[in-house]
Amino acid sequence: MSDSMGEFGADVEQVKRGVYLGLRAGDLDPGQVVALACALLDWFPRAGAVLEVMERNPAEVSPAEMAVLARRLLEEVGFEPGFDLVPERLETLRAALRIVARDLPTRGIEGEPEIELLEDGCPAGAGVRLAGGELLDWGGRILPSGCEESVAALTGLAVLIQESLLERTWQVWPVCPRHDLGVHGSERAGAAVWWCAGDGGHVLASVGELSRVLRS
């Protein structure tokens, strides 16, 4: 990629961020929406929202309708707000990690893990740094879009940690003692659980309750 193309992409990203922040704050600038559509026209010539913004007179579009167009525009081009734009989702993720961390001693992992922001890619996301220094990010980082609510964040973290540990050690964890099968982080009936496929499938434990269940 040429320097000019890289600079152009960075400029477009800044406009996307501006549109998103305007939507969050309720003070969307129609000019930014039009500027974004213009910048994206060559990249997404068939995107409905891009074409509609280009064809409409901004003065004739109500603020509510412009907000709808702006949301469609960001969705159609796959904009993923970073944790810096949605800090409440980062707090949801950190709270989820405190719960998932209660299960780690069953894998022989002690100490408090931390969320580590990973900004060396697009989109930026997060991984888990264990107290011993190991970074867990196998299979893809946790994205802000997966942290809108706690169950999704818990499930995503459980899967990330489990797959990262398996990749590094080739040791299955957790294991259902009844069926001697590896279980998987999963969302079931609106809860984050460790799910075993044995006997048609069953919940081994809620995420965060693995130690208590295995002891019993």
C-alpha atoms as a PDB file:
ATOM      1  CA  MET A   1       0.000   0.000   0.000  1.00  0.00           C
ATOM      2  CA  SER A   2       1.365   3.434  -0.940  1.00  0.00           C
ATOM      3  CA  ASP A   3       1.828   6.142   1.660  1.00  0.00           C
ATOM      4  CA  SER A   4      -0.923   8.187   0.003  1.00  0.00           C
ATOM      5  CA  MET A   5      -3.377   5.275   0.142  1.00  0.00           C
ATOM      6  CA  GLY A   6      -2.473   4.655   3.754  1.00  0.00           C
ATOM      7  CA  GLU A   7      -3.053   8.294   4.604  1.00  0.00           C
ATOM      8  CA  PHE A   8      -6.355   8.240   2.725  1.00  0.00           C
ATOM      9  CA  GLY A   9      -7.494   5.169   4.667  1.00  0.00           C
ATOM     10  CA  ALA A  10      -6.514   6.821   7.949  1.00  0.00           C
ATOM     11  CA  ASP A  11      -8.455   9.950   6.996  1.00  0.00           C
ATOM     12  CA  VAL A  12     -11.557   7.919   6.144  1.00  0.00           C
ATOM     13  CA  GLU A  13     -11.264   6.082   9.462  1.00  0.00           C
ATOM     14  CA  GLN A  14     -11.229   9.405  11.265  1.00  0.00           C
ATOM     15  CA  VAL A  15     -14.414  10.484   9.473  1.00  0.00           C
ATOM     16  CA  LYS A  16     -16.068   7.181  10.415  1.00  0.00           C
ATOM     17  CA  ARG A  17     -15.103   7.794  14.031  1.00  0.00           C
ATOM     18  CA  GLY A  18     -16.514  11.310  13.858  1.00  0.00           C
ATOM     19  CA  VAL A  19     -19.830  10.063  12.477  1.00  0.00           C
ATOM     20  CA  TYR A  20     -20.017   7.365  15.151  1.00  0.00           C
ATOM     21  CA  LEU A  21     -19.252   9.808  17.956  1.00  0.00           C
ATOM     22  CA  GLY A  22     -21.868  12.197  16.592  1.00  0.00           C
ATOM     23  CA  LEU A  23     -24.448   9.420  16.703  1.00  0.00           C
ATOM     24  CA  ARG A  24     -23.493   8.514  20.287  1.00  0.00           C
ATOM     25  CA  ALA A  25     -23.681  12.122  21.436  1.00  0.00           C
ATOM     26  CA  GLY A  26     -26.860  12.941  19.517  1.00  0.00           C
ATOM     27  CA  ASP A  27     -25.247  15.850  17.665  1.00  0.00           C
ATOM     28  CA  LEU A  28     -24.538  14.285  14.270  1.00  0.00           C
ATOM     29  CA  ASP A  29     -23.056  16.634  11.675  1.00  0.00           C
ATOM     30  CA  PRO A  30     -24.768  15.969   8.294  1.00  0.00           C
ATOM     31  CA  GLY A  31     -21.673  17.299   6.559  1.00  0.00           C
ATOM     32  CA  GLN A  32     -19.607  14.486   8.033  1.00  0.00           C
ATOM     33  CA  VAL A  33     -22.099  11.907   6.806  1.00  0.00           C
ATOM     34  CA  VAL A  34     -21.908  13.339   3.274  1.00  0.00           C
ATOM     35  CA  ALA A  35     -18.097  13.510   3.465  1.00  0.00           C
ATOM     36  CA  LEU A  36     -17.946   9.860   4.495  1.00  0.00           C
ATOM     37  CA  ALA A  37     -20.258   8.777   1.681  1.00  0.00           C
ATOM     38  CA  CYS A  38     -18.133  10.688  -0.837  1.00  0.00           C
ATOM     39  CA  ALA A  39     -14.946   9.085   0.459  1.00  0.00           C
ATOM     40  CA  LEU A  40     -16.462   5.593   0.319  1.00  0.00           C
ATOM     41  CA  LEU A  41     -18.135   5.835  -3.073  1.00  0.00           C
ATOM     42  CA  ASP A  42     -15.221   4.302  -4.992  1.00  0.00           C
ATOM     43  CA  TRP A  43     -14.761   1.526  -2.433  1.00  0.00           C
ATOM     44  CA  PHE A  44     -18.448   0.646  -1.961  1.00  0.00           C
ATOM     45  CA  PRO A  45     -20.194   1.782  -5.167  1.00  0.00           C
ATOM     46  CA  ARG A  46     -23.152  -0.543  -4.613  1.00  0.00           C
ATOM     47  CA  ALA A  47     -23.747   0.188  -0.927  1.00  0.00           C
ATOM     48  CA  GLY A  48     -27.316   1.417  -0.598  1.00  0.00           C
ATOM     49  CA  ALA A  49     -26.645   3.936   2.147  1.00  0.00           C
ATOM     50  CA  VAL A  50     -23.654   5.401   0.290  1.00  0.00           C
ATOM     51  CA  LEU A  51     -25.746   5.949  -2.836  1.00  0.00           C
ATOM     52  CA  GLU A  52     -28.714   7.323  -0.918  1.00  0.00           C
ATOM     53  CA  VAL A  53     -26.601   9.858   0.968  1.00  0.00           C
ATOM     54  CA  MET A  54     -25.031  10.972  -2.307  1.00  0.00           C
ATOM     55  CA  GLU A  55     -28.407  11.358  -4.002  1.00  0.00           C
ATOM     56  CA  ARG A  56     -30.163  13.269  -1.218  1.00  0.00           C
ATOM     57  CA  ASN A  57     -29.989  16.978  -0.438  1.00  0.00           C
ATOM     58  CA  PRO A  58     -28.816  17.129   3.205  1.00  0.00           C
ATOM     59  CA  ALA A  59     -30.988  20.201   3.786  1.00  0.00           C
ATOM     60  CA  GLU A  60     -34.069  18.111   3.013  1.00  0.00           C
ATOM     61  CA  VAL A  61     -33.169  15.221   5.326  1.00  0.00           C
ATOM     62  CA  SER A  62     -34.456  15.382   8.902  1.00  0.00           C
ATOM     63  CA  PRO A  63     -31.980  14.789  11.760  1.00  0.00           C
ATOM     64  CA  ALA A  64     -33.712  11.513  12.628  1.00  0.00           C
ATOM     65  CA  GLU A  65     -33.528  10.258   9.049  1.00  0.00           C
ATOM     66  CA  MET A  66     -29.902  11.376   8.736  1.00  0.00           C
ATOM     67  CA  ALA A  67     -29.074   9.391  11.866  1.00  0.00           C
ATOM     68  CA  VAL A  68     -30.677   6.289  10.314  1.00  0.00           C
ATOM     69  CA  LEU A  69     -28.657   6.814   7.130  1.00  0.00           C
ATOM     70  CA  ALA A  70     -25.467   7.283   9.134  1.00  0.00           C
ATOM     71  CA  ARG A  71     -26.032   4.031  11.060  1.00  0.00           C
ATOM     72  CA  ARG A  72     -26.720   2.165   7.813  1.00  0.00           C
ATOM     73  CA  LEU A  73     -23.609   3.666   6.284  1.00  0.00           C
ATOM     74  CA  LEU A  74     -21.385   2.505   9.128  1.00  0.00           C
ATOM     75  CA  GLU A  75     -22.986  -0.949   9.129  1.00  0.00           C
ATOM     76  CA  GLU A  76     -22.625  -1.420   5.376  1.00  0.00           C
ATOM     77  CA  VAL A  77     -18.913  -0.608   5.440  1.00  0.00           C
ATOM     78  CA  GLY A  78     -18.320  -2.792   8.503  1.00  0.00           C
ATOM     79  CA  PHE A  79     -17.225  -0.093  10.911  1.00  0.00           C
ATOM     80  CA  GLU A  80     -16.143  -1.556  14.247  1.00  0.00           C
ATOM     81  CA  PRO A  81     -15.740   1.067  16.986  1.00  0.00           C
ATOM     82  CA  GLY A  82     -12.664   0.511  19.108  1.00  0.00           C
ATOM     83  CA  PHE A  83     -12.794   0.224  22.881  1.00  0.00           C
ATOM     84  CA  ASP A  84     -11.690   3.852  23.081  1.00  0.00           C
ATOM     85  CA  LEU A  85     -15.024   4.847  21.524  1.00  0.00           C
ATOM     86  CA  VAL A  86     -17.105   2.476  23.653  1.00  0.00           C
ATOM     87  CA  PRO A  87     -15.325   2.421  27.042  1.00  0.00           C
ATOM     88  CA  GLU A  88     -18.386   0.936  28.717  1.00  0.00           C
ATOM     89  CA  ARG A  89     -17.841  -2.265  26.701  1.00  0.00           C
ATOM     90  CA  LEU A  90     -14.266  -2.459  27.935  1.00  0.00           C
ATOM     91  CA  GLU A  91     -15.592  -2.298  31.495  1.00  0.00           C
ATOM     92  CA  THR A  92     -18.069  -5.081  30.641  1.00  0.00           C
ATOM     93  CA  LEU A  93     -15.165  -7.172  29.346  1.00  0.00           C
ATOM     94  CA  ARG A  94     -13.048  -6.540  32.438  1.00  0.00           C
ATOM     95  CA  ALA A  95     -15.950  -7.477  34.705  1.00  0.00           C
ATOM     96  CA  ALA A  96     -16.434 -10.657  32.663  1.00  0.00           C
ATOM     97  CA  LEU A  97     -12.756 -11.567  33.048  1.00  0.00           C
ATOM     98  CA  ARG A  98     -13.036 -11.338  36.830  1.00  0.00           C
ATOM     99  CA  ILE A  99     -15.726 -14.024  36.617  1.00  0.00           C
ATOM    100  CA  VAL A 100     -13.909 -16.258  34.120  1.00  0.00           C
ATOM    101  CA  ALA A 101     -10.730 -15.978  36.223  1.00  0.00           C
ATOM    102  CA  ARG A 102     -12.434 -17.922  39.005  1.00  0.00           C
ATOM    103  CA  ASP A 103     -12.243 -21.009  36.765  1.00  0.00           C
ATOM    104  CA  LEU A 104      -8.534 -20.752  35.944  1.00  0.00           C
ATOM    105  CA  PRO A 105      -7.215 -22.433  39.133  1.00  0.00           C
ATOM    106  CA  THR A 106      -8.812 -25.674  37.880  1.00  0.00           C
ATOM    107  CA  ARG A 107      -6.246 -25.442  35.066  1.00  0.00           C
ATOM    108  CA  GLY A 108      -3.411 -24.702  37.490  1.00  0.00           C
ATOM    109  CA  ILE A 109      -3.324 -21.011  36.612  1.00  0.00           C
ATOM    110  CA  GLU A 110      -2.995 -18.647  39.550  1.00  0.00           C
ATOM    111  CA  GLY A 111      -2.927 -14.874  39.793  1.00  0.00           C
ATOM    112  CA  GLU A 112      -5.164 -12.214  38.345  1.00  0.00           C
ATOM    113  CA  PRO A 113      -5.290 -12.027  34.532  1.00  0.00           C
ATOM    114  CA  GLU A 114      -5.788  -8.691  32.811  1.00  0.00           C
ATOM    115  CA  ILE A 115      -7.403  -7.480  29.619  1.00  0.00           C
ATOM    116  CA  GLU A 116      -4.770  -6.274  27.152  1.00  0.00           C
ATOM    117  CA  LEU A 117      -5.771  -3.985  24.319  1.00  0.00           C
ATOM    118  CA  LEU A 118      -4.415  -5.112  20.947  1.00  0.00           C
ATOM    119  CA  GLU A 119      -4.306  -2.182  18.560  1.00  0.00           C
ATOM    120  CA  ASP A 120      -1.816  -3.582  16.038  1.00  0.00           C
ATOM    121  CA  GLY A 121      -4.522  -4.647  13.617  1.00  0.00           C
ATOM    122  CA  CYS A 122      -7.857  -3.736  12.121  1.00  0.00           C
ATOM    123  CA  PRO A 123     -10.160  -3.877  13.870  1.00  0.00           C
ATOM    124  CA  ALA A 124      -8.480  -3.321  17.201  1.00  0.00           C
ATOM    125  CA  GLY A 125      -9.550  -5.675  19.961  1.00  0.00           C
ATOM    126  CA  ALA A 126      -8.387  -7.275  23.182  1.00  0.00           C
ATOM    127  CA  GLY A 127      -6.680 -10.376  24.501  1.00  0.00           C
ATOM    128  CA  VAL A 128      -5.957 -11.746  27.966  1.00  0.00           C
ATOM    129  CA  ARG A 129      -2.588 -11.393  29.702  1.00  0.00           C
ATOM    130  CA  LEU A 130      -2.058 -14.011  32.409  1.00  0.00           C
ATOM    131  CA  ALA A 131      -0.300 -13.091  35.639  1.00  0.00           C
ATOM    132  CA  GLY A 132       2.698 -15.114  34.446  1.00  0.00           C
ATOM    133  CA  GLY A 133       3.023 -12.908  31.367  1.00  0.00           C
ATOM    134  CA  GLU A 134       1.515 -15.159  28.697  1.00  0.00           C
ATOM    135  CA  LEU A 135      -0.779 -13.455  26.186  1.00  0.00           C
ATOM    136  CA  LEU A 136      -3.872 -15.410  25.178  1.00  0.00           C
ATOM    137  CA  ASP A 137      -5.286 -14.315  21.830  1.00  0.00           C
ATOM    138  CA  TRP A 138      -5.535 -17.506  19.770  1.00  0.00           C
ATOM    139  CA  GLY A 139      -8.354 -17.648  17.215  1.00  0.00           C
ATOM    140  CA  GLY A 140      -8.964 -13.926  17.127  1.00  0.00           C
ATOM    141  CA  ARG A 141      -9.120 -11.059  19.538  1.00  0.00           C
ATOM    142  CA  ILE A 142     -12.213 -10.028  21.486  1.00  0.00           C
ATOM    143  CA  LEU A 143     -13.979  -7.198  19.649  1.00  0.00           C
ATOM    144  CA  PRO A 144     -16.082  -4.439  21.221  1.00  0.00           C
ATOM    145  CA  SER A 145     -19.110  -5.684  19.281  1.00  0.00           C
ATOM    146  CA  GLY A 146     -18.910  -8.904  21.307  1.00  0.00           C
ATOM    147  CA  CYS A 147     -19.091  -7.023  24.601  1.00  0.00           C
ATOM    148  CA  GLU A 148     -22.412  -5.218  24.392  1.00  0.00           C
ATOM    149  CA  GLU A 149     -23.695  -7.361  27.238  1.00  0.00           C
ATOM    150  CA  SER A 150     -22.131  -9.564  29.878  1.00  0.00           C
ATOM    151  CA  VAL A 151     -23.190 -13.023  28.632  1.00  0.00           C
ATOM    152  CA  ALA A 152     -21.597 -12.479  25.226  1.00  0.00           C
ATOM    153  CA  ALA A 153     -18.425 -11.126  26.842  1.00  0.00           C
ATOM    154  CA  LEU A 154     -18.246 -14.077  29.257  1.00  0.00           C
ATOM    155  CA  THR A 155     -18.750 -16.601  26.461  1.00  0.00           C
ATOM    156  CA  GLY A 156     -16.224 -14.935  24.187  1.00  0.00           C
ATOM    157  CA  LEU A 157     -13.591 -14.836  26.917  1.00  0.00           C
ATOM    158  CA  ALA A 158     -14.178 -18.465  27.907  1.00  0.00           C
ATOM    159  CA  VAL A 159     -13.724 -19.581  24.300  1.00  0.00           C
ATOM    160  CA  LEU A 160     -10.653 -17.387  23.754  1.00  0.00           C
ATOM    161  CA  ILE A 161      -8.911 -18.611  26.898  1.00  0.00           C
ATOM    162  CA  GLN A 162      -9.796 -22.242  26.300  1.00  0.00           C
ATOM    163  CA  GLU A 163      -8.660 -22.282  22.661  1.00  0.00           C
ATOM    164  CA  SER A 164      -5.476 -20.344  23.433  1.00  0.00           C
ATOM    165  CA  LEU A 165      -4.469 -22.765  26.196  1.00  0.00           C
ATOM    166  CA  LEU A 166      -5.245 -25.780  24.005  1.00  0.00           C
ATOM    167  CA  GLU A 167      -3.136 -24.398  21.155  1.00  0.00           C
ATOM    168  CA  ARG A 168      -0.161 -23.798  23.437  1.00  0.00           C
ATOM    169  CA  THR A 169      -0.260 -26.947  25.569  1.00  0.00           C
ATOM    170  CA  TRP A 170      -2.348 -29.495  23.606  1.00  0.00           C
ATOM    171  CA  GLN A 171      -4.100 -30.217  26.885  1.00  0.00           C
ATOM    172  CA  VAL A 172      -7.894 -30.253  26.872  1.00  0.00           C
ATOM    173  CA  TRP A 173      -9.525 -28.080  29.528  1.00  0.00           C
ATOM    174  CA  PRO A 174     -12.051 -28.152  31.119  1.00  0.00           C
ATOM    175  CA  VAL A 175     -13.066 -31.828  31.151  1.00  0.00           C
ATOM    176  CA  CYS A 176     -16.423 -33.250  32.204  1.00  0.00           C
ATOM    177  CA  PRO A 177     -15.655 -35.813  34.944  1.00  0.00           C
ATOM    178  CA  ARG A 178     -18.821 -37.777  34.166  1.00  0.00           C
ATOM    179  CA  HIS A 179     -18.107 -38.279  30.447  1.00  0.00           C
ATOM    180  CA  ASP A 180     -14.348 -37.652  30.284  1.00  0.00           C
ATOM    181  CA  LEU A 181     -14.971 -35.212  27.440  1.00  0.00           C
ATOM    182  CA  GLY A 182     -13.639 -31.739  26.872  1.00  0.00           C
ATOM    183  CA  VAL A 183     -16.333 -29.123  27.402  1.00  0.00           C
ATOM    184  CA  HIS A 184     -16.728 -25.829  25.582  1.00  0.00           C
ATOM    185  CA  GLY A 185     -17.642 -22.284  26.464  1.00  0.00           C
ATOM    186  CA  SER A 186     -21.146 -21.710  25.135  1.00  0.00           C
ATOM    187  CA  GLU A 187     -24.198 -19.519  25.534  1.00  0.00           C
ATOM    188  CA  ARG A 188     -27.226 -21.575  26.559  1.00  0.00           C
ATOM    189  CA  ALA A 189     -30.608 -20.271  27.672  1.00  0.00           C
ATOM    190  CA  GLY A 190     -29.211 -16.791  28.089  1.00  0.00           C
ATOM    191  CA  ALA A 191     -26.261 -17.817  30.247  1.00  0.00           C
ATOM    192  CA  ALA A 192     -22.548 -18.398  29.692  1.00  0.00           C
ATOM    193  CA  VAL A 193     -21.772 -22.025  30.541  1.00  0.00           C
ATOM    194  CA  TRP A 194     -19.297 -24.840  30.127  1.00  0.00           C
ATOM    195  CA  TRP A 195     -21.169 -27.247  27.852  1.00  0.00           C
ATOM    196  CA  CYS A 196     -20.531 -30.985  27.566  1.00  0.00           C
ATOM    197  CA  ALA A 197     -21.740 -32.927  24.519  1.00  0.00           C
ATOM    198  CA  GLY A 198     -22.056 -36.207  26.450  1.00  0.00           C
ATOM    199  CA  ASP A 199     -25.464 -37.926  26.641  1.00  0.00           C
ATOM    200  CA  GLY A 200     -27.057 -35.449  24.272  1.00  0.00           C
ATOM    201  CA  GLY A 201     -25.484 -32.438  25.922  1.00  0.00           C
ATOM    202  CA  HIS A 202     -25.624 -30.867  29.372  1.00  0.00           C
ATOM    203  CA  VAL A 203     -24.268 -27.948  31.367  1.00  0.00           C
ATOM    204  CA  LEU A 204     -21.230 -28.865  33.433  1.00  0.00           C
ATOM    205  CA  ALA A 205     -21.086 -25.476  35.174  1.00  0.00           C
ATOM    206  CA  SER A 206     -21.791 -21.819  34.691  1.00  0.00           C
ATOM    207  CA  VAL A 207     -18.701 -19.900  33.622  1.00  0.00           C
ATOM    208  CA  GLY A 208     -17.092 -18.785  36.878  1.00  0.00           C
ATOM    209  CA  GLU A 209     -18.486 -21.728  38.890  1.00  0.00           C
ATOM    210  CA  LEU A 210     -16.226 -24.498  37.591  1.00  0.00           C
ATOM    211  CA  SER A 211     -14.189 -24.852  40.793  1.00  0.00           C
ATOM    212  CA  ARG A 212     -17.275 -25.229  42.968  1.00  0.00           C
ATOM    213  CA  VAL A 213     -18.859 -27.813  40.641  1.00  0.00           C
ATOM    214  CA  LEU A 214     -15.720 -29.922  40.233  1.00  0.00           C
ATOM    215  CA  ARG A 215     -15.154 -29.965  44.000  1.00  0.00           C
ATOM    216  CA  SER A 216     -18.673 -31.247  44.552  1.00  0.00           C
END
